[in-house]
N, C-alpha and C. Protein backbone atom coordinates (compact mmCIF):
# COMPACT_ATOMS: atom_id res chain seq x y z
N MET A 1 -14.84 1.93 -6.73
CA MET A 1 -15.08 0.89 -5.77
C MET A 1 -14.01 1.01 -4.68
N GLU A 2 -14.44 0.89 -3.46
CA GLU A 2 -13.50 0.90 -2.35
C GLU A 2 -13.83 -0.23 -1.41
N ARG A 3 -12.80 -0.94 -0.99
CA ARG A 3 -12.96 -2.05 -0.05
C ARG A 3 -12.00 -1.81 1.12
N ASN A 4 -12.54 -1.92 2.32
CA ASN A 4 -11.75 -1.77 3.54
C ASN A 4 -11.86 -3.02 4.38
N ILE A 5 -10.73 -3.45 4.89
CA ILE A 5 -10.68 -4.55 5.85
C ILE A 5 -10.02 -3.99 7.10
N GLU A 6 -10.68 -4.15 8.23
CA GLU A 6 -10.19 -3.53 9.46
C GLU A 6 -10.19 -4.53 10.60
N VAL A 7 -9.17 -4.42 11.45
CA VAL A 7 -9.05 -5.24 12.65
C VAL A 7 -8.81 -4.28 13.81
N LEU A 8 -9.58 -4.46 14.89
CA LEU A 8 -9.43 -3.59 16.06
C LEU A 8 -9.29 -4.42 17.33
N LEU A 9 -8.48 -3.91 18.24
CA LEU A 9 -8.35 -4.47 19.58
C LEU A 9 -8.56 -3.31 20.54
N THR A 10 -9.51 -3.45 21.45
CA THR A 10 -9.82 -2.40 22.41
C THR A 10 -9.60 -2.92 23.82
N ILE A 11 -8.96 -2.09 24.63
CA ILE A 11 -8.67 -2.45 26.02
C ILE A 11 -9.11 -1.29 26.91
N TYR A 12 -9.83 -1.60 27.98
CA TYR A 12 -10.17 -0.59 28.97
C TYR A 12 -10.00 -1.21 30.35
N THR A 13 -9.30 -0.49 31.20
CA THR A 13 -9.13 -0.97 32.57
C THR A 13 -8.79 0.20 33.49
N ARG A 14 -9.10 0.02 34.76
CA ARG A 14 -8.61 0.93 35.80
C ARG A 14 -7.54 0.15 36.52
N LEU A 15 -6.38 0.73 36.67
CA LEU A 15 -5.27 0.04 37.31
C LEU A 15 -5.60 -0.23 38.78
N ALA A 16 -5.25 -1.41 39.22
CA ALA A 16 -5.58 -1.84 40.59
C ALA A 16 -4.99 -0.90 41.62
N ASN A 17 -5.80 -0.58 42.61
CA ASN A 17 -5.37 0.26 43.73
C ASN A 17 -4.78 1.60 43.29
N SER A 18 -5.33 2.17 42.22
CA SER A 18 -4.84 3.48 41.79
C SER A 18 -6.00 4.28 41.22
N ASN A 19 -5.71 5.51 40.91
CA ASN A 19 -6.70 6.42 40.31
C ASN A 19 -6.49 6.56 38.81
N ILE A 20 -5.81 5.60 38.22
CA ILE A 20 -5.43 5.70 36.80
C ILE A 20 -6.26 4.73 35.95
N GLY A 21 -6.80 5.27 34.88
CA GLY A 21 -7.53 4.46 33.92
C GLY A 21 -6.76 4.40 32.61
N VAL A 22 -6.92 3.30 31.90
CA VAL A 22 -6.26 3.12 30.61
C VAL A 22 -7.32 2.67 29.60
N ASN A 23 -7.36 3.38 28.49
CA ASN A 23 -8.23 3.02 27.38
C ASN A 23 -7.34 2.98 26.14
N ALA A 24 -7.27 1.85 25.47
CA ALA A 24 -6.37 1.72 24.32
C ALA A 24 -7.10 1.05 23.16
N ILE A 25 -6.78 1.53 21.98
CA ILE A 25 -7.30 0.95 20.74
C ILE A 25 -6.11 0.75 19.82
N PHE A 26 -5.97 -0.46 19.30
CA PHE A 26 -4.93 -0.76 18.32
C PHE A 26 -5.62 -1.37 17.11
N GLY A 27 -5.15 -1.00 15.93
CA GLY A 27 -5.82 -1.51 14.75
C GLY A 27 -4.94 -1.55 13.53
N ALA A 28 -5.49 -2.18 12.52
CA ALA A 28 -4.85 -2.25 11.21
C ALA A 28 -5.95 -2.15 10.16
N ASN A 29 -5.60 -1.57 9.03
CA ASN A 29 -6.57 -1.39 7.96
C ASN A 29 -5.90 -1.62 6.61
N ARG A 30 -6.66 -2.18 5.69
CA ARG A 30 -6.20 -2.30 4.30
C ARG A 30 -7.32 -1.72 3.44
N MET A 31 -6.97 -0.67 2.68
CA MET A 31 -7.92 0.00 1.81
C MET A 31 -7.48 -0.20 0.36
N ASP A 32 -8.38 -0.74 -0.45
CA ASP A 32 -8.16 -0.86 -1.89
C ASP A 32 -9.21 -0.01 -2.59
N ARG A 33 -8.75 0.85 -3.51
CA ARG A 33 -9.66 1.72 -4.25
C ARG A 33 -9.39 1.55 -5.75
N LEU A 34 -10.44 1.37 -6.51
CA LEU A 34 -10.36 1.20 -7.95
C LEU A 34 -11.32 2.18 -8.61
N ASN A 35 -10.80 2.99 -9.55
CA ASN A 35 -11.61 3.98 -10.27
C ASN A 35 -11.59 3.69 -11.75
N TRP A 36 -12.74 3.79 -12.38
CA TRP A 36 -12.85 3.73 -13.83
C TRP A 36 -13.52 5.02 -14.29
N ARG A 37 -12.98 5.65 -15.31
CA ARG A 37 -13.60 6.85 -15.89
C ARG A 37 -13.54 6.73 -17.40
N THR A 38 -14.69 6.82 -18.01
CA THR A 38 -14.79 6.74 -19.46
C THR A 38 -15.62 7.92 -19.93
N GLY A 39 -15.22 8.53 -21.03
CA GLY A 39 -15.99 9.66 -21.56
C GLY A 39 -15.61 9.97 -22.99
N ALA A 40 -16.41 10.84 -23.60
CA ALA A 40 -16.16 11.25 -24.98
C ALA A 40 -16.96 12.50 -25.29
N TYR A 41 -16.50 13.24 -26.31
CA TYR A 41 -17.27 14.37 -26.81
C TYR A 41 -16.94 14.58 -28.29
N THR A 42 -17.85 15.24 -28.96
CA THR A 42 -17.65 15.49 -30.39
C THR A 42 -16.66 16.60 -30.59
N ASP A 43 -16.05 16.65 -31.78
CA ASP A 43 -15.06 17.67 -32.10
C ASP A 43 -15.44 18.29 -33.44
N GLY A 44 -15.61 19.58 -33.45
CA GLY A 44 -15.91 20.28 -34.70
C GLY A 44 -17.38 20.41 -35.00
N GLY A 45 -18.23 19.97 -34.12
CA GLY A 45 -19.66 20.09 -34.34
C GLY A 45 -20.26 18.83 -34.93
N LEU A 46 -21.57 18.85 -35.09
CA LEU A 46 -22.31 17.71 -35.62
C LEU A 46 -22.47 17.80 -37.13
N VAL A 47 -22.41 16.66 -37.82
CA VAL A 47 -22.64 16.62 -39.26
C VAL A 47 -24.14 16.77 -39.52
N VAL A 48 -24.95 15.97 -38.85
CA VAL A 48 -26.41 16.04 -38.96
C VAL A 48 -26.92 16.71 -37.68
N PRO A 49 -27.55 17.91 -37.80
CA PRO A 49 -28.03 18.62 -36.61
C PRO A 49 -28.95 17.76 -35.74
N GLU A 50 -28.78 17.90 -34.42
CA GLU A 50 -29.59 17.26 -33.39
C GLU A 50 -29.53 15.73 -33.38
N MET A 51 -28.55 15.17 -34.04
CA MET A 51 -28.31 13.72 -33.95
C MET A 51 -27.09 13.54 -33.06
N TYR A 52 -27.33 13.27 -31.77
CA TYR A 52 -26.29 13.28 -30.76
C TYR A 52 -25.69 11.89 -30.56
N VAL A 53 -24.82 11.50 -31.47
CA VAL A 53 -24.04 10.27 -31.36
C VAL A 53 -22.61 10.60 -31.74
N LEU A 54 -21.66 9.88 -31.18
CA LEU A 54 -20.25 10.19 -31.40
C LEU A 54 -19.81 9.99 -32.85
N THR A 55 -20.50 9.15 -33.58
CA THR A 55 -20.12 8.93 -34.98
C THR A 55 -20.62 10.06 -35.88
N ASN A 56 -21.41 11.01 -35.35
CA ASN A 56 -21.93 12.13 -36.11
C ASN A 56 -21.11 13.39 -35.88
N THR A 57 -19.81 13.27 -35.71
CA THR A 57 -18.96 14.42 -35.45
C THR A 57 -18.13 14.74 -36.69
N LYS A 58 -17.89 16.03 -36.94
CA LYS A 58 -17.14 16.45 -38.14
C LYS A 58 -15.70 15.93 -38.10
N ASN A 59 -15.08 15.99 -36.93
CA ASN A 59 -13.73 15.45 -36.74
C ASN A 59 -13.85 14.23 -35.83
N ALA A 60 -12.79 13.46 -35.71
CA ALA A 60 -12.82 12.27 -34.85
C ALA A 60 -13.19 12.68 -33.42
N ALA A 61 -14.07 11.91 -32.80
CA ALA A 61 -14.50 12.19 -31.43
C ALA A 61 -13.31 12.06 -30.48
N ILE A 62 -13.35 12.88 -29.43
CA ILE A 62 -12.33 12.83 -28.39
C ILE A 62 -12.83 11.84 -27.33
N VAL A 63 -12.06 10.78 -27.11
CA VAL A 63 -12.48 9.69 -26.22
C VAL A 63 -11.39 9.43 -25.18
N TRP A 64 -11.79 9.13 -23.97
CA TRP A 64 -10.82 8.74 -22.95
C TRP A 64 -11.38 7.59 -22.12
N ASP A 65 -10.45 6.82 -21.60
CA ASP A 65 -10.81 5.69 -20.75
C ASP A 65 -9.67 5.53 -19.74
N ASN A 66 -9.94 5.85 -18.49
CA ASN A 66 -8.92 5.79 -17.44
C ASN A 66 -9.29 4.77 -16.38
N LYS A 67 -8.30 4.08 -15.90
CA LYS A 67 -8.47 3.15 -14.78
C LYS A 67 -7.31 3.39 -13.83
N SER A 68 -7.60 3.50 -12.55
CA SER A 68 -6.53 3.67 -11.57
C SER A 68 -6.83 2.83 -10.35
N SER A 69 -5.77 2.44 -9.67
CA SER A 69 -5.94 1.67 -8.43
C SER A 69 -4.98 2.20 -7.38
N LYS A 70 -5.37 2.00 -6.14
CA LYS A 70 -4.59 2.51 -5.02
C LYS A 70 -4.80 1.59 -3.84
N ARG A 71 -3.74 1.34 -3.08
CA ARG A 71 -3.83 0.55 -1.86
C ARG A 71 -3.09 1.28 -0.74
N ILE A 72 -3.72 1.31 0.42
CA ILE A 72 -3.05 1.84 1.62
C ILE A 72 -3.19 0.80 2.72
N ASN A 73 -2.06 0.38 3.27
CA ASN A 73 -2.03 -0.48 4.45
C ASN A 73 -1.67 0.40 5.63
N SER A 74 -2.37 0.21 6.74
CA SER A 74 -2.18 1.09 7.89
C SER A 74 -2.16 0.30 9.19
N VAL A 75 -1.39 0.80 10.13
CA VAL A 75 -1.46 0.36 11.53
C VAL A 75 -1.59 1.61 12.38
N TYR A 76 -2.33 1.51 13.46
CA TYR A 76 -2.54 2.69 14.27
C TYR A 76 -2.85 2.30 15.71
N GLY A 77 -2.71 3.28 16.57
CA GLY A 77 -3.02 3.05 17.97
C GLY A 77 -3.37 4.34 18.66
N ASN A 78 -4.15 4.21 19.73
CA ASN A 78 -4.53 5.34 20.55
C ASN A 78 -4.55 4.85 21.99
N VAL A 79 -3.80 5.53 22.84
CA VAL A 79 -3.79 5.20 24.26
C VAL A 79 -4.21 6.45 25.03
N THR A 80 -5.22 6.29 25.87
CA THR A 80 -5.68 7.38 26.72
C THR A 80 -5.48 6.96 28.17
N LEU A 81 -4.76 7.79 28.90
CA LEU A 81 -4.56 7.59 30.34
C LEU A 81 -5.33 8.69 31.06
N ASP A 82 -6.03 8.32 32.11
CA ASP A 82 -6.70 9.36 32.88
C ASP A 82 -6.34 9.22 34.36
N TYR A 83 -6.31 10.37 35.02
CA TYR A 83 -6.07 10.40 36.45
C TYR A 83 -7.34 10.94 37.09
N LYS A 84 -8.00 10.09 37.87
CA LYS A 84 -9.23 10.44 38.57
C LYS A 84 -10.31 10.98 37.62
N ARG A 85 -10.27 10.54 36.38
CA ARG A 85 -11.22 10.99 35.36
C ARG A 85 -11.28 12.51 35.25
N THR A 86 -10.13 13.15 35.54
CA THR A 86 -10.05 14.61 35.52
C THR A 86 -8.94 15.09 34.58
N VAL A 87 -7.81 14.42 34.61
CA VAL A 87 -6.69 14.77 33.73
C VAL A 87 -6.50 13.62 32.75
N TYR A 88 -6.43 13.95 31.47
CA TYR A 88 -6.32 12.94 30.42
C TYR A 88 -5.10 13.20 29.55
N LEU A 89 -4.41 12.12 29.23
CA LEU A 89 -3.30 12.17 28.29
C LEU A 89 -3.65 11.21 27.14
N ASP A 90 -3.77 11.75 25.94
CA ASP A 90 -4.06 10.96 24.74
C ASP A 90 -2.83 10.93 23.86
N ILE A 91 -2.43 9.74 23.47
CA ILE A 91 -1.30 9.58 22.55
C ILE A 91 -1.79 8.71 21.39
N THR A 92 -1.62 9.23 20.17
CA THR A 92 -2.01 8.45 18.99
C THR A 92 -0.83 8.34 18.04
N ALA A 93 -0.86 7.31 17.25
CA ALA A 93 0.17 7.12 16.22
C ALA A 93 -0.46 6.33 15.08
N ARG A 94 -0.05 6.66 13.87
CA ARG A 94 -0.53 5.94 12.69
C ARG A 94 0.60 5.89 11.69
N ASN A 95 0.71 4.75 11.02
CA ASN A 95 1.67 4.61 9.94
C ASN A 95 0.94 4.02 8.73
N ASP A 96 1.10 4.67 7.60
CA ASP A 96 0.49 4.21 6.35
C ASP A 96 1.58 3.84 5.36
N TRP A 97 1.27 2.87 4.52
CA TRP A 97 2.11 2.49 3.38
C TRP A 97 1.22 2.60 2.15
N SER A 98 1.55 3.52 1.25
CA SER A 98 0.69 3.80 0.10
C SER A 98 1.32 3.33 -1.20
N SER A 99 0.51 2.71 -2.04
CA SER A 99 0.98 2.25 -3.35
C SER A 99 1.24 3.40 -4.31
N THR A 100 0.78 4.61 -3.99
CA THR A 100 0.98 5.75 -4.90
C THR A 100 2.33 6.44 -4.68
N LEU A 101 3.10 5.98 -3.71
CA LEU A 101 4.42 6.55 -3.44
C LEU A 101 5.49 5.62 -3.95
N PRO A 102 6.71 6.14 -4.19
CA PRO A 102 7.81 5.28 -4.65
C PRO A 102 8.09 4.16 -3.65
N ALA A 103 8.47 3.00 -4.15
CA ALA A 103 8.65 1.80 -3.33
C ALA A 103 9.56 2.05 -2.12
N LYS A 104 10.61 2.85 -2.28
CA LYS A 104 11.55 3.09 -1.18
C LYS A 104 11.01 4.08 -0.14
N ASN A 105 9.96 4.82 -0.49
CA ASN A 105 9.42 5.85 0.40
C ASN A 105 7.91 5.72 0.57
N ARG A 106 7.40 4.53 0.67
CA ARG A 106 5.95 4.33 0.76
C ARG A 106 5.39 4.60 2.15
N SER A 107 6.23 4.59 3.15
CA SER A 107 5.78 4.69 4.53
C SER A 107 5.76 6.14 5.00
N TYR A 108 4.67 6.51 5.70
CA TYR A 108 4.66 7.81 6.36
C TYR A 108 3.92 7.68 7.70
N PHE A 109 4.47 8.37 8.69
CA PHE A 109 4.06 8.25 10.08
C PHE A 109 3.50 9.57 10.56
N TYR A 110 2.41 9.52 11.31
CA TYR A 110 1.90 10.76 11.89
C TYR A 110 1.31 10.51 13.28
N PRO A 111 1.89 11.20 14.27
CA PRO A 111 1.50 11.05 15.67
C PRO A 111 0.71 12.27 16.18
N SER A 112 0.15 12.12 17.39
CA SER A 112 -0.43 13.27 18.08
C SER A 112 -0.37 13.03 19.59
N VAL A 113 -0.36 14.12 20.33
CA VAL A 113 -0.38 14.07 21.79
C VAL A 113 -1.33 15.18 22.27
N ASN A 114 -2.22 14.83 23.19
CA ASN A 114 -3.16 15.79 23.75
C ASN A 114 -3.18 15.63 25.27
N LEU A 115 -3.27 16.74 25.94
CA LEU A 115 -3.40 16.76 27.40
C LEU A 115 -4.62 17.61 27.72
N SER A 116 -5.54 17.06 28.50
CA SER A 116 -6.73 17.82 28.85
C SER A 116 -7.01 17.73 30.34
N PHE A 117 -7.66 18.77 30.81
CA PHE A 117 -8.01 18.89 32.22
C PHE A 117 -9.48 19.28 32.31
N LEU A 118 -10.27 18.47 32.99
CA LEU A 118 -11.69 18.77 33.19
C LEU A 118 -11.86 19.56 34.48
N ALA A 119 -11.84 20.86 34.36
CA ALA A 119 -11.96 21.72 35.54
C ALA A 119 -13.33 21.55 36.20
N SER A 120 -14.34 21.21 35.41
CA SER A 120 -15.69 21.06 35.97
C SER A 120 -15.81 19.84 36.89
N GLU A 121 -14.79 18.99 36.95
CA GLU A 121 -14.79 17.86 37.88
C GLU A 121 -14.26 18.25 39.26
N LEU A 122 -13.74 19.45 39.40
CA LEU A 122 -13.29 19.92 40.71
C LEU A 122 -14.50 20.21 41.59
N THR A 123 -14.42 19.84 42.85
CA THR A 123 -15.54 19.95 43.78
C THR A 123 -16.16 21.36 43.82
N PRO A 124 -15.37 22.43 43.90
CA PRO A 124 -15.99 23.77 43.94
C PRO A 124 -16.81 24.09 42.68
N LEU A 125 -16.38 23.59 41.53
CA LEU A 125 -17.10 23.90 40.29
C LEU A 125 -18.31 23.00 40.07
N LYS A 126 -18.34 21.84 40.71
CA LYS A 126 -19.49 20.93 40.57
C LYS A 126 -20.76 21.53 41.17
N THR A 127 -20.60 22.46 42.10
CA THR A 127 -21.77 23.06 42.76
C THR A 127 -22.42 24.16 41.91
N LEU A 128 -21.77 24.58 40.86
CA LEU A 128 -22.33 25.64 40.01
C LEU A 128 -23.35 25.04 39.05
N SER A 129 -24.61 25.38 39.24
CA SER A 129 -25.68 24.78 38.43
C SER A 129 -25.61 25.21 36.97
N TRP A 130 -25.06 26.37 36.70
CA TRP A 130 -25.01 26.89 35.33
C TRP A 130 -23.83 26.34 34.53
N LEU A 131 -22.93 25.61 35.19
CA LEU A 131 -21.73 25.09 34.52
C LEU A 131 -21.87 23.58 34.32
N SER A 132 -21.88 23.16 33.06
CA SER A 132 -21.97 21.72 32.80
C SER A 132 -20.61 21.13 32.42
N LEU A 133 -19.77 21.93 31.78
CA LEU A 133 -18.45 21.43 31.38
C LEU A 133 -17.47 22.58 31.27
N ALA A 134 -16.32 22.42 31.88
CA ALA A 134 -15.20 23.36 31.73
C ALA A 134 -13.97 22.50 31.47
N LYS A 135 -13.34 22.72 30.33
CA LYS A 135 -12.24 21.86 29.92
C LYS A 135 -11.12 22.70 29.32
N LEU A 136 -9.89 22.36 29.67
CA LEU A 136 -8.71 22.98 29.10
C LEU A 136 -7.96 21.89 28.36
N ARG A 137 -7.62 22.15 27.11
CA ARG A 137 -6.97 21.11 26.30
C ARG A 137 -5.83 21.70 25.49
N LEU A 138 -4.71 20.98 25.51
CA LEU A 138 -3.55 21.34 24.70
C LEU A 138 -3.21 20.14 23.84
N GLY A 139 -2.87 20.37 22.60
CA GLY A 139 -2.55 19.25 21.72
C GLY A 139 -1.61 19.64 20.60
N ILE A 140 -0.94 18.64 20.10
CA ILE A 140 -0.08 18.82 18.93
C ILE A 140 -0.24 17.57 18.08
N ALA A 141 -0.29 17.76 16.77
CA ALA A 141 -0.51 16.63 15.88
C ALA A 141 0.21 16.86 14.55
N GLN A 142 0.41 15.79 13.87
CA GLN A 142 0.99 15.82 12.53
C GLN A 142 0.06 15.00 11.64
N ALA A 143 -0.19 15.48 10.42
CA ALA A 143 -1.08 14.77 9.51
C ALA A 143 -0.29 14.24 8.33
N GLY A 144 -0.76 13.13 7.77
CA GLY A 144 -0.11 12.54 6.61
C GLY A 144 -1.10 12.39 5.47
N ASN A 145 -0.58 12.34 4.26
CA ASN A 145 -1.42 12.15 3.08
C ASN A 145 -0.55 11.62 1.95
N ASP A 146 -1.19 11.04 0.96
CA ASP A 146 -0.47 10.53 -0.20
C ASP A 146 -1.06 11.14 -1.46
N PRO A 147 -0.35 11.06 -2.57
CA PRO A 147 -0.85 11.66 -3.82
C PRO A 147 -1.86 10.73 -4.51
N VAL A 148 -2.56 11.30 -5.48
CA VAL A 148 -3.48 10.49 -6.29
C VAL A 148 -2.66 9.51 -7.14
N PRO A 149 -3.26 8.41 -7.56
CA PRO A 149 -2.50 7.40 -8.33
C PRO A 149 -1.85 7.98 -9.59
N TYR A 150 -0.64 7.56 -9.83
CA TYR A 150 0.15 7.86 -11.04
C TYR A 150 0.58 9.31 -11.18
N SER A 151 0.38 10.14 -10.17
CA SER A 151 0.75 11.55 -10.29
C SER A 151 2.25 11.78 -10.15
N LEU A 152 3.01 10.80 -9.70
CA LEU A 152 4.46 10.95 -9.52
C LEU A 152 5.27 10.42 -10.70
N ARG A 153 4.62 9.82 -11.69
CA ARG A 153 5.37 9.23 -12.81
C ARG A 153 5.59 10.27 -13.90
N ASN A 154 6.69 10.13 -14.57
CA ASN A 154 7.01 11.01 -15.70
C ASN A 154 6.37 10.44 -16.96
N LEU A 155 5.70 11.29 -17.72
CA LEU A 155 5.07 10.84 -18.97
C LEU A 155 5.93 11.22 -20.17
């Protein structure tokens, strides 16, 4: 079972008396995940052939029952600035706090920055009927992740 609660704020505007546009999204998310896994199999074969029940095993049946839970709280944002709808600067940031990490180190941050140029918006290239989009993009990003529940504990 997974439950997500999300809040978003979106802003779009063109700055007054300028060629600059701003598109921003800010949000927060809370994800709760709960897993149940139950299973069993016979050990040593069946006592009575073709009677497939766990009590019909020569040795005690192997049984397991696992339950795990995980919570991630997140805040994130994305700001896109454009100049004349031709040059774009995208800046994103996200911070997660995961219940599967040690209490002192639950937080992890991952940002990205992208710069793109739509060459097809230049007047000389707009006249080319065979060209619908020409874009140059440079970007750098960092990704974050957390471990599965209980994988950091010593048994």
